[in-house]
Protein backbone atom coordinates (compact mmCIF):
# COMPACT_ATOMS: atom_id res chain seq x y z
CA MET A 1 6.00 13.56 -13.42
CA GLY A 2 3.52 11.87 -11.07
CA ASP A 3 4.56 10.10 -7.92
CA ARG A 4 5.36 6.52 -8.97
CA ARG A 5 6.19 5.22 -5.50
CA PRO A 6 4.22 2.14 -4.52
CA GLY A 7 2.16 2.27 -1.36
CA PRO A 8 -1.27 2.37 0.24
CA ARG A 9 -2.16 5.74 -1.32
CA ARG A 10 -1.79 4.41 -4.87
CA ALA A 11 -3.91 1.38 -3.97
CA LEU A 12 -6.55 3.65 -2.43
CA LEU A 13 -6.72 5.77 -5.57
CA GLY A 14 -6.84 2.67 -7.79
CA ASP A 15 -9.72 1.26 -5.78
CA ALA A 16 -11.55 4.59 -6.03
CA ALA A 17 -11.06 4.65 -9.81
CA ILE A 18 -12.47 1.11 -10.08
CA ALA A 19 -15.53 2.07 -8.03
CA ILE A 20 -16.19 5.11 -10.23
CA LEU A 21 -15.78 3.14 -13.46
CA ALA A 22 -18.29 0.58 -12.21
CA ARG A 23 -20.81 3.12 -10.96
CA GLU A 24 -20.57 5.94 -13.50
CA GLY A 25 -18.72 4.52 -16.50
CA GLY A 26 -15.67 5.88 -18.23
CA ARG A 27 -17.05 9.39 -18.60
CA GLY A 28 -17.35 9.74 -14.85
CA LEU A 29 -13.70 8.99 -14.24
CA THR A 30 -11.95 12.28 -13.52
CA HIS A 31 -9.15 13.23 -11.17
CA ARG A 32 -11.53 15.23 -8.99
CA ALA A 33 -14.02 12.37 -8.86
CA VAL A 34 -11.29 10.01 -7.64
CA ASP A 35 -10.18 12.56 -5.04
CA ARG A 36 -13.74 12.70 -3.71
CA GLU A 37 -14.26 8.95 -3.81
CA ALA A 38 -10.98 8.29 -2.00
CA GLY A 39 -11.50 11.11 0.51
CA VAL A 40 -8.16 12.75 -0.24
CA PRO A 41 -7.28 16.42 -0.78
CA GLN A 42 -8.06 17.83 -4.21
CA GLY A 43 -5.12 17.40 -6.54
CA THR A 44 -3.84 14.20 -4.93
CA THR A 45 -4.88 11.91 -7.77
CA LYS A 46 -3.38 14.20 -10.41
CA ASN A 47 -0.10 14.18 -8.50
CA TYR A 48 0.06 10.40 -8.64
CA PHE A 49 -1.50 9.92 -12.09
CA PRO A 50 -1.08 13.11 -14.17
CA THR A 51 -3.15 12.01 -17.18
CA ARG A 52 -6.47 10.26 -17.57
CA GLU A 53 -4.74 7.44 -19.41
CA SER A 54 -2.34 6.90 -16.49
CA LEU A 55 -5.36 6.84 -14.17
CA LEU A 56 -7.03 4.17 -16.31
CA GLU A 57 -3.78 2.20 -16.34
CA ALA A 58 -3.67 2.44 -12.55
CA ALA A 59 -7.18 1.00 -12.34
CA ALA A 60 -6.18 -1.90 -14.59
CA GLY A 61 -3.03 -2.47 -12.57
CA ARG A 62 -4.96 -2.46 -9.31
CA MET A 63 -7.45 -5.00 -10.67
CA ALA A 64 -4.53 -7.21 -11.71
CA GLU A 65 -3.03 -7.01 -8.22
CA GLU A 66 -6.33 -7.96 -6.61
CA HIS A 67 -6.92 -10.83 -8.99
CA ARG A 68 -3.42 -12.24 -8.46
CA ALA A 69 -3.85 -11.98 -4.70
CA ALA A 70 -7.20 -13.78 -4.89
CA VAL A 71 -5.74 -16.59 -7.00
CA GLU A 72 -2.78 -16.92 -4.63
CA ARG A 73 -5.12 -17.14 -1.63
CA LEU A 74 -7.16 -19.77 -3.43
CA HIS A 75 -4.00 -21.65 -4.38
CA SER A 76 -2.70 -21.61 -0.81
CA THR A 77 -5.96 -23.00 0.57
CA THR A 78 -6.51 -25.61 -2.16
CA PRO A 79 -6.01 -29.18 -0.87
CA PRO A 80 -3.07 -30.99 -2.49
CA GLN A 81 -5.39 -33.74 -3.78
CA VAL A 82 -8.02 -31.53 -5.44
CA SER A 83 -9.65 -33.15 -8.49
CA PRO A 84 -10.48 -31.53 -11.84
CA SER A 85 -14.20 -31.79 -11.05
CA GLN A 86 -13.67 -30.01 -7.73
CA LEU A 87 -11.74 -27.28 -9.50
CA GLY A 88 -14.52 -27.03 -12.07
CA GLU A 89 -16.95 -26.07 -9.30
CA LEU A 90 -14.96 -22.85 -8.88
CA TYR A 91 -16.19 -21.44 -12.19
CA PRO A 92 -19.94 -21.48 -11.49
CA ALA A 93 -19.08 -19.83 -8.17
CA LEU A 94 -17.12 -17.12 -9.99
CA LEU A 95 -20.04 -16.47 -12.35
CA ASN A 96 -22.49 -16.30 -9.47
CA ARG A 97 -20.31 -13.91 -7.48
CA ALA A 98 -19.69 -11.66 -10.48
CA VAL A 99 -23.37 -11.34 -11.31
CA ASN A 100 -25.32 -11.87 -8.08
CA GLY A 101 -22.72 -10.61 -5.64
CA ASP A 102 -20.80 -7.36 -6.07
CA PRO A 103 -20.50 -6.60 -9.81
CA THR A 104 -18.01 -3.75 -9.29
CA GLN A 105 -15.01 -5.60 -10.70
CA LEU A 106 -16.95 -6.90 -13.70
CA LEU A 107 -18.40 -3.51 -14.61
CA ALA A 108 -15.06 -1.77 -14.20
CA MET A 109 -13.41 -4.42 -16.36
CA ALA A 110 -15.96 -3.86 -19.13
CA GLU A 111 -15.27 -0.12 -19.07
CA LEU A 112 -11.52 -0.69 -19.20
CA TYR A 113 -11.88 -2.98 -22.21
CA LEU A 114 -13.78 -0.27 -24.06
CA GLU A 115 -11.16 2.34 -23.15
CA ALA A 116 -8.39 -0.01 -24.29
CA VAL A 117 -9.73 -0.01 -27.84
CA ARG A 118 -8.75 3.66 -28.14
CA ARG A 119 -5.91 3.98 -25.64
CA PRO A 120 -2.67 2.03 -26.24
CA GLY A 121 -1.48 2.46 -22.66
CA VAL A 122 -4.65 0.95 -21.26
CA ARG A 123 -4.47 -1.85 -23.83
CA GLN A 124 -0.94 -2.65 -22.69
CA ALA A 125 -1.99 -2.66 -19.03
CA LEU A 126 -4.90 -4.99 -19.75
CA GLY A 127 -2.64 -7.27 -21.76
CA GLU A 128 -0.24 -7.56 -18.85
CA MET A 129 -3.17 -8.28 -16.55
CA ALA A 130 -4.52 -11.00 -18.84
CA ILE A 131 -1.11 -12.69 -19.00
CA ALA A 132 -0.64 -12.50 -15.23
CA ASN A 133 -4.13 -13.88 -14.64
CA ALA A 134 -3.54 -16.77 -17.03
CA GLU A 135 -0.18 -17.65 -15.51
CA SER A 136 -1.68 -17.64 -12.01
CA ALA A 137 -4.59 -19.83 -13.11
CA VAL A 138 -2.27 -22.34 -14.83
CA ALA A 139 -0.59 -22.99 -11.48
CA LEU A 140 -3.98 -23.65 -9.91
CA HIS A 141 -4.96 -26.03 -12.71
CA GLN A 142 -1.70 -27.93 -12.27
CA VAL A 143 -2.61 -28.61 -8.63
CA ALA A 144 -5.68 -30.44 -9.97
CA GLY A 145 -3.52 -32.46 -12.36
CA LEU A 146 -4.62 -30.56 -15.46
CA ASP A 147 -2.13 -29.87 -18.24
CA SER A 148 -3.74 -26.51 -19.04
CA SER A 149 -1.71 -23.93 -20.95
CA THR A 150 -1.91 -20.17 -20.69
CA ARG A 151 -3.98 -20.31 -23.89
CA ASP A 152 -6.46 -22.70 -22.28
CA VAL A 153 -7.04 -20.52 -19.25
CA GLY A 154 -6.94 -17.36 -21.36
CA VAL A 155 -9.82 -18.70 -23.44
CA LEU A 156 -11.60 -19.74 -20.24
CA ASP A 157 -11.26 -16.21 -18.81
CA ALA A 158 -12.59 -14.72 -22.05
CA TYR A 159 -15.59 -17.07 -22.02
CA LEU A 160 -16.35 -16.14 -18.41
CA LEU A 161 -16.09 -12.41 -19.09
CA GLY A 162 -18.50 -12.58 -22.03
CA ILE A 163 -21.00 -14.77 -20.23
CA SER A 164 -20.82 -12.65 -17.08
CA LEU A 165 -21.62 -9.49 -19.05
CA SER A 166 -24.54 -11.20 -20.75
CA LEU A 167 -25.93 -12.41 -17.43
CA LEU A 168 -25.63 -8.94 -15.97
CA ALA A 169 -26.93 -6.95 -18.94
CA LEU A 170 -29.71 -9.00 -20.53
CA PRO A 171 -33.27 -9.31 -19.17
CA PRO A 172 -34.27 -12.67 -17.63
CA ASP A 173 -36.62 -13.54 -20.50
CA ALA A 174 -33.91 -13.07 -23.09
CA LEU A 175 -31.44 -15.10 -21.05
CA ARG A 176 -33.96 -17.91 -20.78
CA ARG A 177 -34.79 -17.92 -24.48
CA ILE A 178 -31.14 -18.10 -25.55
CA GLY A 179 -30.20 -20.66 -22.90
CA LEU A 180 -28.08 -18.46 -20.64
CA ASP A 181 -30.30 -18.58 -17.56
CA ASP A 182 -28.37 -21.23 -15.59
CA PRO A 183 -25.04 -19.83 -14.32
CA TYR A 184 -24.13 -23.12 -12.68
CA SER A 185 -24.28 -25.21 -15.86
CA LEU A 186 -22.67 -22.39 -17.83
CA GLY A 187 -19.72 -22.27 -15.44
CA LEU A 188 -19.21 -26.02 -15.65
CA GLY A 189 -19.62 -25.92 -19.42
CA VAL A 190 -16.99 -23.28 -20.10
CA PHE A 191 -14.56 -25.04 -17.78
CA ALA A 192 -15.08 -28.34 -19.58
CA ALA A 193 -14.74 -26.67 -22.98
CA ALA A 194 -11.55 -24.73 -22.29
CA ALA A 195 -9.63 -26.58 -19.59
CA SER A 196 -7.13 -29.22 -20.67
CA ARG A 197 -7.66 -32.82 -19.71
CA PRO A 198 -5.44 -34.38 -17.03
CA ALA A 199 -1.95 -35.01 -18.36
CA ASP A 200 -2.06 -38.76 -17.63
CA ALA A 201 -5.30 -39.14 -19.61
CA ALA A 202 -3.76 -37.45 -22.65
CA GLU A 203 -0.68 -39.68 -22.40
CA GLN A 204 -2.81 -42.85 -22.21
CA GLU A 205 -4.69 -41.82 -25.34
CA CYS A 206 -1.43 -41.35 -27.25
CA SER A 207 0.09 -44.65 -26.12
């Protein structure tokens, strides 16, 4: 049995696994590679995560932790009177950061999705992450007065993931010809398409 105790060492190994997935892909993710990346003695990663599947699950879990923490920080710093249009500006910023900033998280996520197709444990971990992400985002949408459901924000996350991968992977000419060359308008567009309208607007329409 691997060491299941929470702590900084597990986070360090999870971060190292994410970095390797992003840089080298799934085939590069080995226990020894994580040991080297994390700067820990050989055999440390295998002690914590005995199988490759458990290592992949740890990477997914670590990404979920980081995403929840980021949403909580955003939530805590969001003004109480934020409007839906102000919240909508967040999504172009997320696209820009994912593609033009540090793409590590995006690339690692893509690798984990591919692994999940063949590995039930990784699929379960990603499912838990998707649910946690959606629930966190719903709370943020509610601050802006939106009646978004977990389905709404789940669809929004899926749109953003697909668009982000296209922006990162396709050449500029192809992006321009298929209309995916403007991350700002794309971010606003997916938000408008997936986010629920304010609750009071929906009630007025029904009255």
